[in-house]
Protein backbone atom coordinates (compact mmCIF):
# COMPACT_ATOMS: atom_id res chain seq x y z
CA MET A 1 28.65 -108.41 -64.13
CA HIS A 2 25.88 -106.13 -65.13
CA THR A 3 24.53 -108.64 -67.63
CA LEU A 4 24.84 -111.49 -65.13
CA HIS A 5 23.17 -109.41 -62.41
CA THR A 6 20.28 -108.49 -64.76
CA ALA A 7 19.74 -112.13 -65.69
CA LYS A 8 19.79 -113.17 -62.04
CA TRP A 9 17.29 -110.42 -61.16
CA THR A 10 15.05 -111.49 -64.05
CA TRP A 11 14.94 -115.11 -62.92
CA THR A 12 14.34 -114.01 -59.33
CA PHE A 13 11.39 -111.87 -60.47
CA LEU A 14 9.96 -114.68 -62.60
CA GLY A 15 10.22 -117.09 -59.69
CA PHE A 16 8.46 -114.62 -57.44
CA LEU A 17 5.75 -114.10 -60.07
CA ALA A 18 5.22 -117.85 -60.36
CA LEU A 19 4.86 -118.08 -56.60
CA VAL A 20 2.26 -115.28 -56.62
CA ILE A 21 0.29 -116.97 -59.40
CA ALA A 22 0.41 -120.31 -57.57
CA LEU A 23 -0.86 -118.69 -54.37
CA ALA A 24 -3.58 -116.90 -56.34
CA LEU A 25 -4.79 -120.19 -57.78
CA VAL A 26 -4.88 -121.77 -54.33
CA LEU A 27 -6.74 -118.81 -52.85
CA LEU A 28 -8.90 -118.18 -55.92
CA PRO A 29 -12.33 -118.65 -54.24
CA GLN A 30 -11.42 -116.11 -51.54
CA SER A 31 -9.77 -113.52 -53.77
CA PRO A 32 -11.86 -110.40 -54.47
CA LEU A 33 -10.49 -110.24 -58.02
CA ALA A 34 -10.30 -113.92 -58.89
CA HIS A 35 -13.51 -115.46 -57.53
CA MET A 36 -15.75 -118.32 -58.52
CA GLU A 37 -18.04 -116.87 -61.16
CA GLU A 38 -21.64 -116.92 -59.90
CA ALA A 39 -23.42 -116.77 -63.24
CA GLY A 40 -23.50 -119.07 -66.23
CA SER A 41 -26.24 -120.72 -68.25
CA TYR A 42 -28.29 -123.74 -67.25
CA THR A 43 -29.96 -126.13 -69.73
CA GLU A 44 -32.62 -128.58 -68.61
CA GLY A 45 -34.12 -131.49 -70.51
CA LEU A 46 -37.88 -132.01 -70.39
CA ALA A 47 -39.93 -134.95 -71.62
CA GLY A 48 -42.68 -133.33 -73.64
CA ALA A 49 -43.21 -130.11 -75.56
CA PRO A 50 -44.83 -126.75 -74.83
CA GLN A 51 -48.26 -125.95 -76.19
CA HIS A 52 -49.37 -122.68 -74.60
CA LEU A 53 -46.93 -120.47 -72.69
CA ASN A 54 -49.87 -118.81 -70.99
CA PRO A 55 -50.48 -119.46 -67.27
CA LEU A 56 -54.25 -119.68 -67.76
CA LEU A 57 -53.89 -122.43 -70.37
CA ALA A 58 -51.00 -124.35 -68.81
CA GLN A 59 -52.90 -126.36 -66.20
CA TYR A 60 -52.67 -129.75 -67.94
CA ASN A 61 -49.23 -129.52 -69.56
CA SER A 62 -46.29 -129.90 -67.18
CA THR A 63 -43.83 -128.44 -69.70
CA ASP A 64 -45.95 -125.30 -70.05
CA ARG A 65 -46.20 -124.99 -66.28
CA ASP A 66 -42.44 -125.37 -65.79
CA ILE A 67 -41.65 -122.57 -68.23
CA CYS A 68 -44.51 -120.31 -67.12
CA ALA A 69 -43.21 -120.54 -63.54
CA LEU A 70 -40.19 -118.46 -64.59
CA LEU A 71 -42.11 -116.00 -66.77
CA PHE A 72 -45.33 -115.20 -64.92
CA GLU A 73 -46.41 -114.46 -61.37
CA GLY A 74 -49.65 -114.31 -59.43
CA LEU A 75 -50.75 -111.89 -56.78
CA THR A 76 -49.53 -114.47 -54.27
CA ALA A 77 -47.52 -117.70 -54.26
CA PHE A 78 -47.19 -120.78 -52.06
CA ASP A 79 -44.09 -121.21 -49.92
CA GLU A 80 -42.56 -124.56 -48.91
CA ALA A 81 -45.17 -125.09 -46.19
CA GLY A 82 -48.10 -124.37 -48.51
CA ARG A 83 -48.66 -120.93 -46.96
CA LEU A 84 -49.51 -117.94 -49.12
CA VAL A 85 -46.85 -115.25 -49.44
CA PRO A 86 -46.93 -111.93 -51.34
CA ARG A 87 -45.81 -111.76 -54.95
CA LEU A 88 -47.33 -109.11 -57.26
CA ALA A 89 -49.45 -108.02 -54.32
CA GLU A 90 -47.58 -106.55 -51.37
CA ARG A 91 -50.43 -107.33 -48.98
CA TRP A 92 -54.16 -108.02 -48.81
CA GLU A 93 -57.09 -107.46 -46.50
CA VAL A 94 -60.14 -109.66 -45.92
CA SER A 95 -63.41 -108.24 -44.61
CA SER A 96 -64.85 -109.63 -41.38
CA ASP A 97 -67.74 -111.26 -43.25
CA GLY A 98 -65.33 -113.08 -45.58
CA LEU A 99 -66.88 -111.54 -48.71
CA THR A 100 -64.39 -108.84 -49.72
CA TYR A 101 -60.70 -109.27 -50.55
CA THR A 102 -58.62 -106.19 -51.31
CA PHE A 103 -55.14 -106.62 -52.81
CA PHE A 104 -52.57 -103.83 -52.70
CA LEU A 105 -50.16 -104.19 -55.61
CA ARG A 106 -46.43 -103.64 -55.80
CA ARG A 107 -45.29 -100.46 -57.45
CA GLY A 108 -42.32 -100.40 -59.78
CA VAL A 109 -43.13 -103.74 -61.43
CA PHE A 110 -42.77 -103.88 -65.22
CA TRP A 111 -43.75 -106.32 -67.90
CA HIS A 112 -40.92 -107.79 -69.94
CA ASP A 113 -41.64 -105.28 -72.74
CA GLY A 114 -41.24 -102.34 -70.34
CA ALA A 115 -44.93 -101.53 -69.79
CA PRO A 116 -45.88 -100.92 -66.13
CA PHE A 117 -47.85 -103.55 -64.24
CA THR A 118 -51.08 -102.08 -62.79
CA ALA A 119 -54.49 -103.02 -61.50
CA ASP A 120 -55.74 -103.03 -65.10
CA ASP A 121 -53.82 -106.27 -65.67
CA VAL A 122 -55.40 -107.94 -62.65
CA VAL A 123 -58.90 -106.86 -63.66
CA PHE A 124 -58.28 -108.06 -67.22
CA THR A 125 -57.00 -111.49 -66.10
CA ALA A 126 -59.97 -112.00 -63.79
CA GLY A 127 -62.25 -111.02 -66.68
CA VAL A 128 -60.71 -113.65 -68.94
CA MET A 129 -61.34 -116.39 -66.38
CA ALA A 130 -64.94 -115.17 -65.93
CA ASP A 131 -65.66 -115.18 -69.67
CA PRO A 132 -68.03 -118.02 -70.76
CA ASP A 133 -65.66 -118.85 -73.62
CA PHE A 134 -62.92 -119.60 -71.09
CA GLN A 135 -64.88 -122.48 -69.57
CA ALA A 136 -64.25 -124.60 -72.68
CA LEU A 137 -60.52 -123.81 -72.62
CA ASP A 138 -59.81 -124.76 -69.02
CA PRO A 139 -61.96 -127.37 -67.25
CA SER A 140 -60.07 -126.98 -63.94
CA GLY A 141 -62.83 -124.92 -62.34
CA LEU A 142 -61.39 -121.41 -62.66
CA PHE A 143 -64.46 -120.22 -64.57
CA ASP A 144 -66.84 -121.59 -61.95
CA LEU A 145 -65.22 -119.39 -59.32
CA TRP A 146 -64.38 -116.21 -61.21
CA SER A 147 -67.71 -115.98 -63.02
CA SER A 148 -69.32 -115.31 -59.63
CA VAL A 149 -66.74 -112.77 -58.38
CA LYS A 150 -67.18 -109.01 -58.75
CA VAL A 151 -63.87 -107.33 -59.63
CA GLU A 152 -63.24 -103.62 -59.05
CA LYS A 153 -60.25 -101.42 -59.71
CA VAL A 154 -59.86 -99.28 -56.59
CA ASP A 155 -56.95 -97.34 -58.08
CA ASP A 156 -53.91 -98.15 -60.21
CA TYR A 157 -52.42 -100.27 -57.44
CA ALA A 158 -55.38 -101.75 -55.61
CA VAL A 159 -58.02 -104.28 -56.66
CA ARG A 160 -61.13 -105.42 -54.79
CA PHE A 161 -62.80 -108.81 -55.22
CA THR A 162 -66.30 -109.27 -53.85
CA LEU A 163 -67.75 -112.76 -53.46
CA SER A 164 -71.46 -113.58 -53.50
CA GLU A 165 -70.99 -115.80 -50.44
CA PRO A 166 -68.08 -116.62 -48.11
CA PHE A 167 -65.50 -118.91 -49.69
CA ALA A 168 -62.55 -119.71 -47.42
CA PRO A 169 -60.25 -121.15 -50.15
CA PHE A 170 -60.51 -118.00 -52.30
CA LEU A 171 -56.97 -116.84 -51.56
CA ASP A 172 -55.60 -120.00 -53.22
CA TYR A 173 -56.94 -118.68 -56.52
CA SER A 174 -54.84 -115.53 -56.20
CA THR A 175 -51.77 -117.60 -57.16
CA VAL A 176 -52.92 -117.75 -60.81
CA GLY A 177 -50.47 -116.02 -63.18
CA ILE A 178 -51.47 -112.51 -64.28
CA LEU A 179 -51.63 -111.62 -68.00
CA PRO A 180 -50.71 -108.27 -69.65
CA ALA A 181 -53.87 -106.39 -70.59
CA HIS A 182 -52.07 -104.10 -73.04
CA LEU A 183 -51.09 -107.08 -75.21
CA LEU A 184 -54.16 -109.30 -74.99
CA LYS A 185 -57.23 -107.12 -74.41
CA GLN A 186 -58.02 -107.12 -78.14
CA VAL A 187 -57.78 -110.92 -78.42
CA PRO A 188 -61.13 -112.76 -78.04
CA VAL A 189 -60.96 -115.26 -75.20
CA SER A 190 -61.89 -118.10 -77.56
CA ASP A 191 -58.82 -117.24 -79.68
CA LEU A 192 -56.30 -117.37 -76.80
CA PRO A 193 -55.09 -120.93 -77.62
CA LYS A 194 -54.02 -119.87 -81.12
CA SER A 195 -52.68 -116.44 -80.18
CA ALA A 196 -49.07 -115.60 -81.04
CA PHE A 197 -48.68 -114.69 -77.37
CA ASN A 198 -48.30 -118.40 -76.57
CA TYR A 199 -44.95 -118.40 -78.37
CA GLN A 200 -43.89 -114.84 -77.55
CA PRO A 201 -45.06 -114.57 -73.93
CA VAL A 202 -44.54 -111.45 -71.87
CA GLY A 203 -44.71 -111.70 -68.09
CA THR A 204 -43.33 -110.04 -64.96
CA GLY A 205 -41.18 -112.95 -63.76
CA PRO A 206 -37.41 -113.21 -63.16
CA PHE A 207 -36.74 -114.45 -66.71
CA THR A 208 -37.77 -113.22 -70.15
CA VAL A 209 -38.10 -115.14 -73.42
CA GLU A 210 -35.08 -114.98 -75.69
CA SER A 211 -36.16 -117.55 -78.30
CA VAL A 212 -38.77 -120.25 -78.87
CA SER A 213 -38.50 -123.19 -81.25
CA ALA A 214 -39.86 -126.71 -81.52
CA LYS A 215 -36.68 -128.04 -79.91
CA GLU A 216 -35.89 -125.42 -77.29
CA VAL A 217 -37.13 -122.44 -75.30
CA ARG A 218 -34.36 -120.13 -74.16
CA LEU A 219 -34.86 -117.60 -71.38
CA LYS A 220 -32.60 -114.84 -70.12
CA SER A 221 -32.37 -113.02 -66.82
CA ASN A 222 -34.83 -110.13 -66.50
CA PRO A 223 -32.72 -106.99 -65.85
CA ALA A 224 -35.78 -105.05 -64.65
CA TYR A 225 -37.06 -107.67 -62.21
CA TYR A 226 -38.31 -106.09 -59.00
CA GLY A 227 -37.28 -109.00 -56.79
CA GLU A 228 -34.00 -110.82 -56.27
CA ARG A 229 -32.24 -110.87 -59.65
CA PRO A 230 -31.23 -114.35 -60.82
CA ARG A 231 -27.52 -115.16 -60.74
CA LEU A 232 -27.93 -117.32 -63.83
CA GLN A 233 -27.60 -115.38 -67.06
CA SER A 234 -29.92 -117.72 -68.93
CA VAL A 235 -32.00 -120.89 -68.65
CA ALA A 236 -32.84 -123.13 -71.59
CA PHE A 237 -35.38 -125.94 -71.80
CA ARG A 238 -34.78 -128.63 -74.43
CA PHE A 239 -37.54 -131.05 -75.35
CA PHE A 240 -37.25 -134.81 -75.72
CA PRO A 241 -39.72 -137.62 -76.38
CA ASP A 242 -38.91 -139.46 -73.13
CA VAL A 243 -36.67 -139.53 -70.06
CA GLU A 244 -34.25 -142.00 -71.67
CA SER A 245 -33.53 -139.46 -74.42
CA ILE A 246 -32.77 -136.81 -71.78
CA TRP A 247 -30.30 -139.19 -70.13
CA THR A 248 -28.53 -139.69 -73.46
CA ALA A 249 -28.42 -135.90 -73.96
CA TYR A 250 -26.83 -135.47 -70.53
CA GLN A 251 -24.13 -137.99 -71.36
CA LYS A 252 -23.40 -135.94 -74.49
CA ARG A 253 -23.27 -132.76 -72.34
CA GLN A 254 -26.24 -131.29 -74.21
CA VAL A 255 -28.18 -130.65 -70.99
CA ASP A 256 -27.21 -129.90 -67.39
CA GLY A 257 -30.31 -131.25 -65.69
CA LEU A 258 -33.08 -133.83 -65.96
CA GLY A 259 -36.50 -132.29 -65.35
CA GLN A 260 -37.80 -135.48 -63.78
CA VAL A 261 -36.23 -138.75 -62.73
CA PRO A 262 -38.55 -141.80 -62.72
CA PRO A 263 -38.03 -144.46 -60.03
CA ALA A 264 -36.51 -146.89 -62.56
CA ALA A 265 -33.68 -144.43 -63.27
CA LEU A 266 -32.79 -143.63 -59.65
CA ALA A 267 -30.00 -146.19 -59.31
CA ARG A 268 -28.35 -144.96 -62.50
CA ILE A 269 -28.55 -141.33 -61.39
CA GLN A 270 -27.23 -142.10 -57.92
CA SER A 271 -24.24 -143.94 -59.39
CA THR A 272 -23.30 -140.98 -61.63
CA PRO A 273 -20.75 -138.86 -59.68
CA SER A 274 -21.36 -135.72 -61.73
CA LEU A 275 -25.09 -135.61 -60.94
CA ARG A 276 -26.80 -134.40 -57.78
CA LEU A 277 -30.21 -135.86 -56.94
CA TYR A 278 -32.87 -133.80 -55.13
CA SER A 279 -36.14 -135.25 -53.83
CA ALA A 280 -39.28 -133.67 -52.39
CA ARG A 281 -42.82 -134.66 -51.53
CA LEU A 282 -45.42 -133.42 -54.00
CA ALA A 283 -48.78 -132.03 -52.85
CA GLN A 284 -50.49 -134.64 -54.99
CA ILE A 285 -52.23 -137.91 -54.33
CA THR A 286 -52.26 -140.98 -56.56
CA MET A 287 -55.41 -143.05 -56.30
CA VAL A 288 -57.83 -145.28 -58.14
CA LEU A 289 -61.13 -143.57 -58.86
CA LEU A 290 -64.13 -145.89 -58.82
CA ASN A 291 -67.15 -144.96 -60.92
CA LEU A 292 -69.84 -145.29 -58.27
CA GLN A 293 -72.63 -144.35 -60.69
CA ASP A 294 -71.90 -146.81 -63.50
CA PRO A 295 -75.07 -148.94 -63.87
CA GLU A 296 -73.04 -151.71 -65.48
CA LEU A 297 -70.90 -152.06 -62.34
CA PRO A 298 -73.37 -152.05 -59.44
CA PHE A 299 -70.81 -153.70 -57.16
CA PHE A 300 -68.92 -150.38 -56.82
CA ALA A 301 -72.04 -149.08 -55.06
CA GLU A 302 -71.43 -151.67 -52.32
CA VAL A 303 -69.33 -150.21 -49.50
CA PRO A 304 -67.97 -153.65 -48.40
CA VAL A 305 -66.59 -154.21 -51.90
CA ARG A 306 -64.84 -150.85 -51.88
CA GLN A 307 -63.45 -151.50 -48.41
CA ALA A 308 -62.21 -154.92 -49.53
CA LEU A 309 -60.25 -153.28 -52.34
CA MET A 310 -58.41 -151.25 -49.69
CA TRP A 311 -57.81 -154.12 -47.23
CA GLY A 312 -56.59 -156.31 -50.09
CA LEU A 313 -53.74 -154.00 -51.12
CA ASP A 314 -50.18 -154.06 -49.83
CA ARG A 315 -49.70 -150.39 -50.67
CA GLN A 316 -46.37 -150.04 -48.89
CA GLY A 317 -45.09 -153.05 -50.79
CA LEU A 318 -46.24 -151.42 -54.02
CA ILE A 319 -44.32 -148.27 -53.11
CA GLU A 320 -41.17 -150.25 -52.37
CA ARG A 321 -41.29 -152.64 -55.31
CA VAL A 322 -42.65 -150.46 -58.11
CA LEU A 323 -41.65 -146.95 -57.03
CA ASP A 324 -38.33 -147.84 -55.41
CA GLY A 325 -39.63 -146.23 -52.23
CA GLN A 326 -40.44 -142.92 -53.95
CA GLY A 327 -43.88 -142.46 -52.43
CA ILE A 328 -45.52 -141.84 -49.05
CA LEU A 329 -48.46 -143.99 -48.01
CA ALA A 330 -51.69 -142.00 -48.32
CA ASN A 331 -54.50 -142.38 -45.80
CA SER A 332 -56.30 -139.12 -46.54
CA VAL A 333 -57.15 -136.84 -49.45
CA ILE A 334 -55.60 -134.06 -47.33
CA PHE A 335 -51.81 -134.20 -47.27
CA PRO A 336 -50.09 -134.72 -43.90
CA GLU A 337 -48.42 -131.29 -43.68
CA SER A 338 -51.78 -129.51 -43.85
CA TRP A 339 -53.32 -127.97 -40.74
CA ALA A 340 -56.51 -129.88 -41.65
CA TYR A 341 -54.92 -133.33 -41.72
CA HIS A 342 -56.53 -135.74 -39.24
CA PRO A 343 -53.94 -138.34 -38.16
CA ALA A 344 -56.53 -140.25 -36.11
CA ALA A 345 -58.80 -140.94 -39.09
CA PRO A 346 -59.35 -144.67 -39.78
CA ALA A 347 -56.53 -146.15 -41.87
CA TYR A 348 -56.32 -149.34 -43.91
CA THR A 349 -53.49 -151.82 -43.53
CA PHE A 350 -52.79 -154.88 -45.66
CA ASP A 351 -55.22 -157.56 -44.50
CA PRO A 352 -56.21 -159.88 -47.38
CA THR A 353 -58.04 -162.22 -44.99
CA LYS A 354 -60.33 -159.40 -43.91
CA ALA A 355 -60.79 -158.36 -47.53
CA MET A 356 -61.90 -161.84 -48.57
CA ARG A 357 -64.23 -162.14 -45.58
CA LEU A 358 -65.94 -158.86 -46.52
CA LEU A 359 -66.46 -160.09 -50.05
CA GLU A 360 -67.76 -163.46 -48.88
CA ASP A 361 -70.21 -161.82 -46.48
CA ALA A 362 -71.43 -159.54 -49.30
CA GLY A 363 -72.23 -162.63 -51.39
CA TRP A 364 -69.21 -162.53 -53.73
CA LYS A 365 -67.90 -166.10 -54.11
CA ASP A 366 -65.72 -167.95 -56.60
CA ALA A 367 -68.17 -170.73 -57.42
CA ASP A 368 -66.51 -171.91 -60.65
CA GLY A 369 -62.94 -171.86 -59.34
CA ASP A 370 -61.54 -169.53 -61.99
CA GLY A 371 -60.08 -167.17 -59.39
CA VAL A 372 -62.65 -164.40 -59.94
CA ARG A 373 -65.65 -163.97 -57.65
CA GLU A 374 -69.24 -163.87 -58.89
CA LYS A 375 -72.66 -162.93 -57.54
CA GLU A 376 -76.03 -163.25 -59.21
CA GLY A 377 -74.43 -164.03 -62.57
CA ARG A 378 -72.06 -161.05 -62.51
CA THR A 379 -68.27 -161.34 -62.16
CA LEU A 380 -66.26 -159.05 -59.91
CA SER A 381 -64.28 -157.67 -62.86
CA PHE A 382 -63.61 -154.16 -64.18
CA THR A 383 -61.35 -152.19 -66.51
CA LEU A 384 -58.62 -150.09 -64.89
CA LEU A 385 -57.60 -147.15 -67.07
CA THR A 386 -54.10 -145.76 -66.81
CA SER A 387 -51.97 -143.30 -68.77
CA GLU A 388 -49.02 -144.04 -71.04
CA ASP A 389 -46.57 -143.24 -68.24
CA PRO A 390 -44.43 -146.41 -67.79
CA VAL A 391 -44.47 -146.04 -64.00
CA TRP A 392 -48.24 -145.87 -63.90
CA GLN A 393 -48.48 -148.90 -66.13
CA GLU A 394 -46.35 -150.80 -63.63
CA VAL A 395 -48.52 -149.56 -60.77
CA ALA A 396 -51.68 -150.67 -62.59
CA GLY A 397 -50.15 -154.09 -63.21
CA GLU A 398 -49.24 -154.47 -59.54
CA LEU A 399 -52.74 -153.44 -58.44
CA ALA A 400 -54.25 -156.04 -60.78
CA ARG A 401 -51.93 -158.74 -59.43
CA GLN A 402 -52.74 -158.00 -55.79
CA TRP A 403 -56.51 -157.74 -56.31
CA ARG A 404 -56.50 -161.02 -58.23
CA ALA A 405 -55.23 -162.67 -55.04
CA ILE A 406 -58.52 -161.80 -53.28
CA GLY A 407 -60.68 -162.80 -56.24
CA VAL A 408 -61.10 -159.42 -57.94
CA GLU A 409 -60.19 -158.98 -61.61
CA ALA A 410 -58.86 -155.59 -62.71
CA VAL A 411 -57.91 -155.37 -66.38
CA PRO A 412 -55.41 -152.53 -67.06
CA GLU A 413 -56.00 -150.48 -70.20
CA THR A 414 -53.64 -147.74 -71.38
CA VAL A 415 -54.88 -144.46 -72.86
CA GLY A 416 -53.23 -141.08 -73.51
CA PHE A 417 -53.38 -138.57 -70.66
CA TYR A 418 -55.55 -136.03 -72.48
CA GLU A 419 -57.77 -138.85 -73.72
CA LEU A 420 -58.11 -140.12 -70.15
CA VAL A 421 -59.26 -136.71 -68.92
CA GLY A 422 -61.37 -135.55 -71.86
CA ARG A 423 -62.82 -138.78 -73.21
CA TYR A 424 -63.26 -140.82 -70.05
CA LEU A 425 -63.19 -138.85 -66.78
CA TYR A 426 -65.36 -135.84 -67.60
CA PRO A 427 -68.00 -137.84 -69.56
CA ARG A 428 -67.86 -140.51 -66.77
CA ARG A 429 -67.14 -143.21 -69.35
CA PHE A 430 -64.84 -145.28 -67.18
CA GLN A 431 -65.08 -148.07 -64.65
CA ALA A 432 -61.93 -147.40 -62.63
CA ALA A 433 -59.05 -145.04 -63.37
CA LEU A 434 -55.57 -144.57 -61.94
CA VAL A 435 -55.09 -140.82 -61.51
CA SER A 436 -52.96 -138.30 -59.65
CA VAL A 437 -54.55 -135.04 -58.55
CA GLU A 438 -53.02 -131.94 -57.01
CA LEU A 439 -53.95 -131.00 -53.47
CA ALA A 440 -54.35 -127.24 -53.19
CA GLY A 441 -52.84 -125.17 -50.40
CA ASP A 442 -56.28 -124.86 -48.85
CA PRO A 443 -57.53 -128.36 -48.00
CA ASP A 444 -61.04 -127.80 -49.40
CA PRO A 445 -62.16 -131.18 -50.87
CA TYR A 446 -65.38 -129.75 -52.37
CA PRO A 447 -64.30 -129.72 -56.09
CA LEU A 448 -63.49 -133.44 -56.10
CA TRP A 449 -66.00 -134.90 -53.67
CA HIS A 450 -69.16 -132.78 -53.32
CA SER A 451 -72.24 -134.32 -54.94
CA THR A 452 -72.94 -131.17 -57.00
CA GLN A 453 -69.61 -131.69 -58.75
CA ALA A 454 -70.64 -135.13 -60.03
CA ALA A 455 -72.22 -133.54 -63.11
CA GLU A 456 -70.35 -133.75 -66.41
CA LYS A 457 -68.47 -130.45 -66.00
CA GLY A 458 -67.51 -131.12 -62.38
CA GLN A 459 -64.45 -132.95 -61.09
CA ASN A 460 -66.23 -135.39 -58.77
CA TRP A 461 -65.50 -138.07 -61.35
CA ALA A 462 -66.22 -140.88 -58.92
CA GLY A 463 -69.80 -139.67 -58.47
CA PHE A 464 -69.47 -139.72 -54.66
CA ALA A 465 -72.64 -138.53 -52.91
CA ASP A 466 -73.00 -138.51 -49.14
CA ARG A 467 -75.37 -136.08 -47.47
CA ARG A 468 -73.35 -135.55 -44.30
CA ALA A 469 -70.10 -135.21 -46.26
CA ASP A 470 -71.79 -132.54 -48.39
CA GLU A 471 -72.92 -130.62 -45.30
CA VAL A 472 -69.45 -130.73 -43.79
CA MET A 473 -67.76 -129.47 -46.98
CA GLU A 474 -70.33 -126.71 -47.42
CA GLU A 475 -69.93 -125.38 -43.89
CA ALA A 476 -66.12 -125.64 -43.95
CA ARG A 477 -65.76 -123.43 -47.02
CA ARG A 478 -68.19 -120.80 -45.67
CA ILE A 479 -66.28 -120.00 -42.50
CA VAL A 480 -62.80 -118.61 -41.84
CA ASP A 481 -62.32 -120.00 -38.32
CA GLN A 482 -59.49 -122.45 -38.93
CA THR A 483 -60.09 -124.39 -35.71
CA ARG A 484 -63.68 -125.09 -36.65
CA ARG A 485 -62.72 -125.90 -40.22
CA ALA A 486 -60.16 -128.43 -38.95
CA GLU A 487 -62.89 -130.13 -36.89
CA LEU A 488 -65.15 -130.35 -39.93
CA TYR A 489 -62.40 -131.73 -42.15
CA ALA A 490 -61.57 -134.33 -39.50
CA GLU A 491 -65.16 -135.52 -39.78
CA PHE A 492 -64.96 -135.53 -43.57
CA GLN A 493 -61.80 -137.65 -43.51
CA ALA A 494 -63.52 -140.17 -41.25
CA ILE A 495 -66.51 -140.36 -43.63
CA PHE A 496 -64.18 -140.78 -46.60
CA ALA A 497 -62.31 -143.64 -44.91
CA GLU A 498 -65.59 -145.38 -44.17
CA GLN A 499 -67.15 -144.88 -47.61
CA VAL A 500 -64.01 -145.37 -49.79
CA PRO A 501 -65.13 -143.49 -52.92
CA ALA A 502 -61.58 -143.97 -54.19
CA VAL A 503 -58.69 -146.31 -53.38
CA LEU A 504 -55.97 -144.05 -51.96
CA LEU A 505 -52.44 -145.18 -52.80
CA TYR A 506 -49.62 -142.70 -52.13
CA TYR A 507 -48.36 -139.14 -52.17
CA PRO A 508 -45.71 -139.13 -54.92
CA VAL A 509 -42.11 -138.04 -54.39
CA TYR A 510 -40.57 -135.83 -57.07
CA ASN A 511 -36.95 -136.50 -58.06
CA TYR A 512 -34.82 -133.93 -59.83
CA ALA A 513 -31.22 -134.32 -61.04
CA VAL A 514 -28.76 -131.60 -62.03
CA ASP A 515 -25.07 -131.45 -62.80
CA GLN A 516 -22.79 -130.86 -59.83
CA ARG A 517 -21.64 -127.55 -61.37
CA LEU A 518 -25.07 -126.05 -60.61
CA LYS A 519 -24.86 -124.69 -57.08
CA ASN A 520 -27.27 -123.54 -54.38
CA VAL A 521 -30.18 -125.71 -55.53
CA GLN A 522 -32.70 -126.21 -52.73
CA LEU A 523 -35.83 -128.33 -52.85
CA GLY A 524 -38.54 -128.24 -50.20
CA PRO A 525 -42.06 -129.69 -50.32
CA LEU A 526 -43.62 -128.84 -53.68
CA MET A 527 -47.18 -127.96 -54.64
CA SER A 528 -46.26 -128.99 -58.21
CA PRO A 529 -42.99 -129.92 -60.00
CA ALA A 530 -42.73 -126.34 -61.31
CA ASP A 531 -42.11 -125.22 -57.72
CA ARG A 532 -38.59 -126.62 -57.97
CA PHE A 533 -37.71 -123.19 -59.36
CA ARG A 534 -38.86 -121.44 -56.17
CA THR A 535 -35.25 -120.54 -55.26
CA ILE A 536 -33.82 -120.27 -58.79
CA SER A 537 -32.69 -116.67 -58.20
CA GLN A 538 -29.94 -118.13 -55.97
CA TRP A 539 -28.74 -120.81 -58.40
CA TYR A 540 -25.48 -120.40 -60.28
CA ILE A 541 -23.00 -122.37 -62.37
CA GLU A 542 -19.62 -122.64 -60.72
CA THR A 543 -16.79 -121.85 -63.15
CA ARG A 544 -13.23 -120.68 -62.43
CA ARG A 545 -12.13 -117.53 -64.19
CA SER A 546 -9.13 -117.98 -66.46
CA LEU A 547 -5.73 -116.36 -65.88
CA LEU A 548 -6.32 -114.39 -69.07
CA ALA A 549 -9.47 -112.95 -67.52
CA LEU A 550 -7.53 -112.19 -64.36
CA GLY A 551 -4.97 -110.32 -66.40
CA LYS A 552 -7.67 -108.01 -67.71
CA VAL A 553 -8.75 -106.94 -64.23
CA ARG A 554 -7.55 -103.42 -63.49
């Protein structure tokens, strides 16, 4: 009886235990001891390779910018609405005359190597950008600004910038990543591109570098980060020659996310149950720059010809057919969410009849019947440069097809991205070029469209020169009254629509795909693709803890 009773009690206990375990598995997400693990490691595939993991040298390499976004921080950052929010600076003050900006820095911030972050680092970084040797390293215009700014260390946690004249967009430049003075102050600015720092970077961001190789950069959570600590234990970036290779790597479970999804791959991504697709509007504009100062193409100096190029394009059709709808029609060089956007500015629709009438009235006729218009012995034909990006090549081909229908010949020619910028745009050795440029948080169009920027080192690659437009841009950047600035920019947008120094196409949409196990991903409007990591501190990989792990909980 005793033996039988013991056996019966044993089976009763085992049955009860099984019931408890079953209930635990059902209630696992709610159990305080057996919860969904909010941690894990995330691996993302990128098309391209890093060159300089230094925020001052990362402007033209998207891979560098993606990685630097997790390692470095500026005094400020842009939020989803393009507004400036504090980062390494807790707050700032602007003098009533708009000449002095004082930033008050966070205390208790440390570099990844444990050194304290202070005003010395801010002063050092500003000094690098003001150094004449820096101008050759970064043609984005940072030197032009910082070389005219007086920088003062007020104390260890306050820095004062004094401008020679009011410059309303100045705060945008406070988003530039800060460098550690204690590691780089002995490195000549001209030597920064070959410094070992580019492969062993030290920042203040939420992640630190664990390892760097030609195939992968692995980051780990920064235990000393002053802000919200990331839930992810680590993030790795693996490098591939193209997007197709990243897709293959995902199928082999070598990566958890695709850093960018081109329009051609959308259908495949959407039909993959294990992937989640996120989309957001980029603060960029894709357009065709016209070289208005090329003596060999005098027809670009004719406003009716430029207007005809706009009327002759079915831009919405291009977005639908070539981009699979992943673009927003652009009618202004200021993006629609900006306070300076002027919705009532003149806009171009698809009207090929009007386009052909403009060309006819300007004397451009197809006398020989070959489909291309001529005037005074010159054909209405030009070369359209585009990068090696397959999507852009398709866009260029579609533009050429549509313009041919109104008697204009555009001949697409593919060049490498860096070749396009360095060999053609800056020296002004192009006829027309398909480009995409970032639109800063402040809507100031001066760098791209003021006549003084049409020189070789400026970014007014089109060579646009309009006296009234110049006056408007000059006044708008000298004042801080936003209402008055909005009025001025409304006038500028009207002038731009009339003059057509560039053929505006669309604001691109960024698509990002990650495995369904990665939770809490949020994507709002982005200033650049690197801003997809704006909320990365809240991301985590969802994994169930094993029963063995549960058994170890005491």
